[in-house]
N, C-alpha and C. Protein backbone atom coordinates (compact mmCIF):
# COMPACT_ATOMS: atom_id res chain seq x y z
N UNK A 1 3.07 -1.90 -5.88
CA UNK A 1 3.81 -3.24 -5.68
C UNK A 1 4.50 -2.79 -7.33
N UNK A 2 3.95 -2.30 -8.16
CA UNK A 2 5.31 -2.29 -9.18
C UNK A 2 6.34 -1.25 -8.82
N UNK A 3 5.97 -0.30 -8.54
CA UNK A 3 7.00 0.72 -8.27
C UNK A 3 7.76 -0.35 -7.21
N UNK A 4 8.11 -0.69 -6.45
CA UNK A 4 9.20 -1.70 -5.88
C UNK A 4 9.47 -2.98 -6.49
N UNK A 5 9.05 -3.13 -7.41
CA UNK A 5 9.44 -4.04 -8.73
C UNK A 5 10.91 -3.32 -9.41
N UNK A 6 10.26 -2.30 -9.59
CA UNK A 6 11.05 -1.37 -10.79
C UNK A 6 12.61 -0.82 -9.76
N UNK A 7 12.26 -0.94 -8.29
CA UNK A 7 13.56 -0.57 -7.35
C UNK A 7 14.14 -1.81 -7.24
N UNK A 8 13.96 -2.95 -7.50
CA UNK A 8 14.81 -4.05 -7.48
C UNK A 8 14.47 -4.81 -5.61
N UNK A 9 13.04 -4.63 -5.65
CA UNK A 9 12.05 -5.42 -4.32
C UNK A 9 11.73 -6.16 -4.73
N UNK A 10 12.10 -7.54 -4.72
CA UNK A 10 11.22 -8.37 -5.24
C UNK A 10 10.10 -8.99 -4.17
N UNK A 11 8.18 -9.09 -4.56
CA UNK A 11 7.51 -8.82 -3.77
C UNK A 11 7.30 -10.57 -4.35
N UNK A 12 6.77 -11.78 -2.93
CA UNK A 12 6.16 -12.55 -2.96
C UNK A 12 4.84 -12.36 -3.21
N UNK A 13 4.30 -11.40 -1.89
CA UNK A 13 2.84 -11.49 -1.88
C UNK A 13 2.28 -9.95 -1.15
N UNK A 14 1.07 -9.83 -1.50
CA UNK A 14 1.27 -8.17 -1.25
C UNK A 14 -0.65 -8.58 -0.72
N UNK A 15 -1.06 -7.79 0.52
CA UNK A 15 -2.57 -7.86 0.48
C UNK A 15 -2.77 -7.16 1.99
N UNK A 16 -4.09 -6.46 2.22
CA UNK A 16 -4.45 -6.30 3.49
C UNK A 16 -4.87 -7.74 4.35
N UNK A 17 -4.59 -7.41 5.51
CA UNK A 17 -5.04 -8.27 6.54
C UNK A 17 -5.57 -7.72 8.14
N UNK A 18 -7.34 -8.23 7.89
CA UNK A 18 -7.65 -7.16 9.43
C UNK A 18 -7.47 -8.52 10.33
N UNK A 19 -6.85 -8.38 11.34
CA UNK A 19 -6.17 -9.42 12.34
C UNK A 19 -7.72 -9.39 13.43
N UNK A 20 -8.20 -10.32 13.95
CA UNK A 20 -9.06 -10.87 14.34
C UNK A 20 -8.54 -10.09 16.15
N UNK A 21 -7.76 -10.11 16.26
CA UNK A 21 -7.18 -9.87 17.72
C UNK A 21 -7.41 -8.51 18.01
N UNK A 22 -7.30 -7.23 17.53
CA UNK A 22 -7.35 -5.99 17.25
C UNK A 22 -8.11 -5.16 16.07
N UNK A 23 -8.96 -5.99 15.50
CA UNK A 23 -9.48 -5.62 14.42
C UNK A 23 -8.90 -4.66 13.52
N UNK A 24 -7.60 -4.06 13.50
CA UNK A 24 -7.12 -3.20 12.55
C UNK A 24 -6.69 -3.82 10.90
N UNK A 25 -6.90 -3.11 9.99
CA UNK A 25 -6.36 -3.61 8.69
C UNK A 25 -4.82 -2.53 8.80
N UNK A 26 -4.01 -3.72 8.19
CA UNK A 26 -2.64 -3.33 7.85
C UNK A 26 -2.33 -4.16 6.57
N UNK A 27 -1.21 -3.38 5.78
CA UNK A 27 -0.90 -3.78 4.15
C UNK A 27 0.37 -4.61 4.95
N UNK A 28 0.15 -6.03 4.53
CA UNK A 28 1.09 -6.83 4.61
C UNK A 28 2.24 -6.68 3.07
N UNK A 29 3.67 -6.93 3.15
CA UNK A 29 4.46 -7.26 2.00
C UNK A 29 5.29 -8.32 2.24
N UNK A 30 5.33 -8.94 1.44
CA UNK A 30 6.20 -10.78 2.07
C UNK A 30 6.94 -10.51 0.87
N UNK A 31 8.24 -10.48 1.14
CA UNK A 31 9.37 -10.06 0.55
C UNK A 31 11.04 -10.75 1.39
N UNK A 32 11.05 -11.52 0.04
CA UNK A 32 12.64 -11.78 0.58
C UNK A 32 14.06 -10.90 1.26
N UNK A 33 13.29 -9.89 0.93
CA UNK A 33 14.38 -8.92 1.24
C UNK A 33 14.38 -8.62 2.94
N UNK A 34 13.42 -9.45 3.70
CA UNK A 34 13.64 -9.47 4.93
C UNK A 34 14.62 -10.59 5.58
N UNK A 35 14.39 -11.33 4.85
CA UNK A 35 15.52 -12.80 4.98
C UNK A 35 16.91 -11.91 5.08
N UNK A 36 17.03 -11.44 3.39
CA UNK A 36 18.76 -11.23 3.14
C UNK A 36 19.15 -10.37 3.75
N UNK A 37 18.18 -9.05 4.37
CA UNK A 37 19.01 -7.98 4.66
C UNK A 37 18.64 -7.49 6.13
N UNK A 38 17.68 -8.06 6.40
CA UNK A 38 17.18 -8.08 7.57
C UNK A 38 15.85 -7.14 7.77
N UNK A 39 15.36 -6.86 8.61
CA UNK A 39 13.52 -6.31 8.93
C UNK A 39 13.91 -4.89 9.07
N UNK A 40 15.27 -4.33 9.58
CA UNK A 40 15.27 -2.21 9.25
C UNK A 40 15.30 -2.30 7.77
N UNK A 41 16.33 -3.12 7.34
CA UNK A 41 16.44 -2.35 6.23
C UNK A 41 15.53 -2.48 5.24
N UNK A 42 15.03 -4.00 5.15
CA UNK A 42 13.86 -3.77 4.27
C UNK A 42 12.75 -2.68 4.33
N UNK A 43 12.47 -2.17 6.01
CA UNK A 43 11.67 -1.50 6.05
C UNK A 43 11.97 0.26 5.42
N UNK A 44 13.60 0.14 5.58
CA UNK A 44 14.10 1.53 5.17
C UNK A 44 13.96 1.68 3.25
N UNK A 45 14.39 0.34 3.15
CA UNK A 45 14.04 0.39 1.38
C UNK A 45 12.55 0.81 1.01
N UNK A 46 11.56 -0.56 1.48
CA UNK A 46 10.20 0.09 1.05
C UNK A 46 9.65 1.53 1.36
N UNK A 47 9.73 1.37 2.56
CA UNK A 47 9.65 3.23 2.84
C UNK A 47 9.80 4.38 1.74
N UNK A 48 11.29 3.75 1.51
CA UNK A 48 11.77 5.03 0.37
C UNK A 48 11.15 5.18 -0.71
N UNK A 49 10.54 3.88 -1.20
CA UNK A 49 10.01 4.13 -2.33
C UNK A 49 8.45 4.32 -2.24
N UNK A 50 7.52 4.07 -1.21
CA UNK A 50 6.25 4.78 -0.46
C UNK A 50 6.28 6.26 -0.34
N UNK A 51 7.56 6.70 -0.08
CA UNK A 51 7.76 7.88 0.26
C UNK A 51 7.54 8.42 -0.98
N UNK A 52 7.91 8.45 -2.23
CA UNK A 52 7.57 8.84 -3.41
C UNK A 52 6.21 8.78 -4.13
N UNK A 53 5.33 8.07 -3.51
CA UNK A 53 4.15 7.68 -4.40
C UNK A 53 3.40 9.18 -3.79
N UNK A 54 2.62 10.15 -4.55
CA UNK A 54 2.10 11.00 -3.99
C UNK A 54 0.34 11.15 -4.70
N UNK A 55 -0.16 10.86 -3.86
CA UNK A 55 -0.19 11.42 -2.51
C UNK A 55 -0.30 9.95 -1.50
N UNK A 56 0.39 10.43 -0.53
CA UNK A 56 1.06 9.23 0.47
C UNK A 56 -0.05 8.90 0.88
N UNK A 57 -0.32 7.36 0.47
CA UNK A 57 -1.88 6.78 0.89
C UNK A 57 -1.92 6.04 2.04
N UNK A 58 -0.34 5.64 2.29
CA UNK A 58 -0.06 4.62 3.32
C UNK A 58 0.91 4.83 4.69
N UNK A 59 1.18 5.28 5.41
CA UNK A 59 2.21 5.22 6.57
C UNK A 59 2.60 3.88 7.44
N UNK A 60 3.68 4.33 7.35
CA UNK A 60 4.72 3.21 8.11
C UNK A 60 3.81 2.10 9.08
N UNK A 61 3.36 2.63 9.96
CA UNK A 61 2.54 2.18 11.31
C UNK A 61 1.15 1.61 10.40
N UNK A 62 0.91 1.53 9.10
CA UNK A 62 0.22 0.47 8.84
C UNK A 62 0.47 -0.66 7.95
N UNK A 63 1.76 -0.99 7.66
CA UNK A 63 2.78 -1.03 6.94
C UNK A 63 3.26 -2.88 8.16
N UNK A 64 3.06 -3.90 7.66
CA UNK A 64 4.01 -4.89 8.18
C UNK A 64 4.22 -5.60 7.13
N UNK A 65 6.13 -5.61 7.12
CA UNK A 65 6.91 -6.66 6.33
C UNK A 65 7.23 -7.91 6.72
N UNK A 66 7.49 -8.98 6.00
CA UNK A 66 7.57 -10.27 6.55
C UNK A 66 8.05 -10.82 5.19
N UNK A 67 8.44 -11.90 5.88
CA UNK A 67 9.85 -12.59 4.77
C UNK A 67 8.70 -13.06 4.12
N UNK A 68 9.68 -13.86 2.71
CA UNK A 68 8.83 -14.62 1.84
C UNK A 68 8.84 -15.81 2.51
N UNK A 69 9.49 -16.61 3.36
CA UNK A 69 9.11 -17.93 4.13
C UNK A 69 8.34 -17.99 5.40
N UNK A 70 7.58 -16.95 5.44
CA UNK A 70 6.80 -16.31 6.72
C UNK A 70 5.73 -17.58 6.31
N UNK A 71 4.82 -17.91 7.71
CA UNK A 71 3.69 -18.80 7.51
C UNK A 71 2.46 -18.07 6.79
N UNK A 72 2.64 -16.86 6.95
CA UNK A 72 1.12 -15.95 6.84
C UNK A 72 1.42 -15.82 4.78
N UNK A 73 2.70 -15.50 4.57
CA UNK A 73 3.34 -15.35 3.20
C UNK A 73 2.89 -16.78 2.34
N UNK A 74 3.24 -18.00 3.24
CA UNK A 74 3.09 -19.19 2.09
C UNK A 74 1.66 -19.57 2.16
N UNK A 75 0.93 -19.28 3.11
CA UNK A 75 -0.70 -19.45 3.10
C UNK A 75 -1.31 -18.60 1.66
N UNK A 76 -0.79 -17.37 1.52
CA UNK A 76 -1.22 -16.27 0.87
C UNK A 76 -0.95 -16.97 -0.69
N UNK A 77 0.01 -17.43 -1.05
CA UNK A 77 0.88 -18.00 -2.11
C UNK A 77 0.10 -19.32 -2.11
N UNK A 78 0.04 -19.66 -1.66
CA UNK A 78 -0.89 -21.37 -1.71
C UNK A 78 -2.17 -20.73 -1.96
N UNK A 79 -2.98 -19.55 -1.54
CA UNK A 79 -4.51 -19.54 -1.94
C UNK A 79 -3.97 -18.80 -3.26
N UNK A 80 -3.46 -18.08 -3.50
CA UNK A 80 -3.29 -17.99 -4.92
C UNK A 80 -2.96 -18.78 -5.84
N UNK A 81 -2.67 -20.22 -6.05
CA UNK A 81 -2.46 -21.08 -6.67
C UNK A 81 -3.51 -21.36 -6.62
N UNK A 82 -4.12 -21.60 -5.51
CA UNK A 82 -5.26 -22.33 -5.90
C UNK A 82 -6.41 -21.80 -6.86
N UNK A 83 -6.52 -20.67 -6.72
CA UNK A 83 -7.41 -19.47 -6.70
C UNK A 83 -7.04 -18.59 -7.78
N UNK A 84 -6.46 -18.47 -8.77
CA UNK A 84 -5.82 -17.73 -9.24
C UNK A 84 -7.05 -16.56 -10.02
N UNK A 85 -6.33 -15.48 -9.88
CA UNK A 85 -7.32 -14.58 -10.18
C UNK A 85 -6.12 -13.34 -10.73
N UNK A 86 -6.54 -12.19 -11.48
CA UNK A 86 -6.36 -11.00 -12.47
C UNK A 86 -6.57 -9.89 -11.55
N UNK A 87 -7.52 -9.87 -10.23
CA UNK A 87 -8.24 -9.13 -9.48
C UNK A 87 -7.76 -9.46 -8.41
N UNK A 88 -7.51 -8.46 -7.15
CA UNK A 88 -7.67 -8.12 -5.79
C UNK A 88 -8.86 -9.38 -5.34
N UNK A 89 -8.50 -10.14 -4.55
CA UNK A 89 -9.14 -11.26 -3.92
C UNK A 89 -9.85 -10.94 -2.51
N UNK A 90 -10.75 -11.12 -2.36
CA UNK A 90 -11.51 -11.49 -0.50
C UNK A 90 -11.26 -12.52 -0.40
N UNK A 91 -10.61 -13.13 1.21
CA UNK A 91 -9.95 -14.14 1.69
C UNK A 91 -10.91 -14.16 2.95
N UNK A 92 -12.12 -14.68 3.44
CA UNK A 92 -12.75 -14.77 4.30
C UNK A 92 -12.71 -15.93 5.08
N UNK A 93 -11.25 -16.68 5.20
CA UNK A 93 -10.91 -17.43 6.46
C UNK A 93 -10.45 -16.89 7.13
N UNK A 94 -10.66 -17.84 8.53
CA UNK A 94 -10.10 -17.52 9.75
C UNK A 94 -8.70 -17.48 10.46
N UNK A 95 -7.69 -17.98 9.09
CA UNK A 95 -6.58 -17.96 9.71
C UNK A 95 -5.53 -17.64 8.35
N UNK A 96 -4.38 -16.85 8.40
CA UNK A 96 -3.30 -17.12 7.83
C UNK A 96 -2.16 -17.07 8.39
N UNK A 97 -1.29 -18.12 8.08
CA UNK A 97 -0.10 -18.73 8.74
C UNK A 97 -0.49 -19.19 10.58
N UNK A 98 -0.14 -18.45 11.33
CA UNK A 98 -0.51 -18.43 12.38
C UNK A 98 -1.46 -17.17 13.34
N UNK A 99 -1.84 -16.49 12.47
CA UNK A 99 -2.70 -15.54 12.90
C UNK A 99 -3.99 -15.66 12.52
N UNK A 100 -4.46 -15.28 14.03
CA UNK A 100 -6.33 -15.27 13.39
C UNK A 100 -6.74 -14.70 12.37
N UNK A 101 -7.90 -14.20 11.72
CA UNK A 101 -8.63 -12.95 11.21
C UNK A 101 -9.72 -12.78 10.62
N UNK A 102 -9.80 -11.77 10.59
CA UNK A 102 -11.33 -11.32 10.03
C UNK A 102 -11.67 -11.72 9.05
N UNK A 103 -10.69 -11.14 7.77
CA UNK A 103 -10.81 -10.56 6.70
C UNK A 103 -9.16 -10.71 5.88
N UNK A 104 -9.12 -10.94 4.76
CA UNK A 104 -7.92 -10.16 4.14
C UNK A 104 -8.09 -10.29 2.66
N UNK A 105 -7.58 -9.34 1.92
CA UNK A 105 -7.92 -8.60 0.92
C UNK A 105 -6.55 -8.87 -0.06
N UNK A 106 -6.61 -9.78 -1.16
CA UNK A 106 -5.34 -10.36 -1.70
C UNK A 106 -5.56 -9.95 -2.90
N UNK A 107 -4.03 -8.94 -3.09
CA UNK A 107 -3.79 -8.16 -4.44
C UNK A 107 -3.32 -9.92 -5.38
N UNK A 108 -3.07 -9.54 -6.95
CA UNK A 108 -3.00 -10.41 -7.37
C UNK A 108 -1.19 -11.03 -7.47
N UNK A 109 -0.65 -12.20 -8.18
CA UNK A 109 0.63 -12.28 -7.58
C UNK A 109 1.12 -11.17 -8.69
N UNK A 110 2.48 -10.87 -7.78
CA UNK A 110 3.28 -10.09 -8.39
C UNK A 110 3.65 -10.72 -9.98
N UNK A 111 4.24 -10.21 -11.36
CA UNK A 111 4.18 -10.61 -12.51
C UNK A 111 5.73 -10.19 -12.33
N UNK A 112 6.34 -11.38 -12.79
CA UNK A 112 8.19 -11.44 -12.66
C UNK A 112 8.27 -10.13 -13.80
N UNK A 113 9.36 -9.25 -13.45
CA UNK A 113 10.15 -8.55 -14.29
C UNK A 113 10.46 -9.10 -15.98
N UNK A 114 10.29 -8.09 -16.98
CA UNK A 114 10.46 -8.50 -17.92
C UNK A 114 12.12 -8.05 -18.45
N UNK A 115 12.81 -8.91 -19.19
CA UNK A 115 13.84 -8.85 -18.92
C UNK A 115 14.14 -8.13 -20.65
N UNK A 116 15.11 -7.12 -20.56
CA UNK A 116 15.21 -7.17 -21.95
C UNK A 116 16.39 -7.70 -22.44
N UNK A 117 16.97 -8.12 -23.69
CA UNK A 117 17.59 -8.64 -24.63
C UNK A 117 18.65 -9.06 -23.75
N UNK A 118 19.18 -7.61 -23.42
CA UNK A 118 20.63 -8.33 -22.67
C UNK A 118 20.33 -8.90 -20.95
N UNK A 119 19.61 -9.09 -20.84
CA UNK A 119 19.44 -10.05 -19.50
C UNK A 119 18.82 -9.11 -17.89
N UNK A 120 19.14 -7.76 -18.32
CA UNK A 120 18.55 -6.60 -17.45
C UNK A 120 16.92 -6.12 -17.59
């Protein structure tokens, strides 16, 4: 998430989610880039950053990008505000947004980027 932030990709929430329907884990990244630039452009920007990480630990098939206003993202943000933690947290509810889930592993909320004296 730090690398995404360094490349100017704001992250509202990041979490692994095991969907009840098929039992597969996916890394969800909620970002306003989806709403601003569209899903294909958001995937390209995030994929470019992830390709620079060695060793490559996640493929595009394990990644789901959603907008910051997506109901799933909003539920995660609400959970984080209710139960703040500096470490990743397991969420064992049955639903996030409109998706039935088995389990979620929610990363700590992204920290705002520090700006220097010039505001950069």
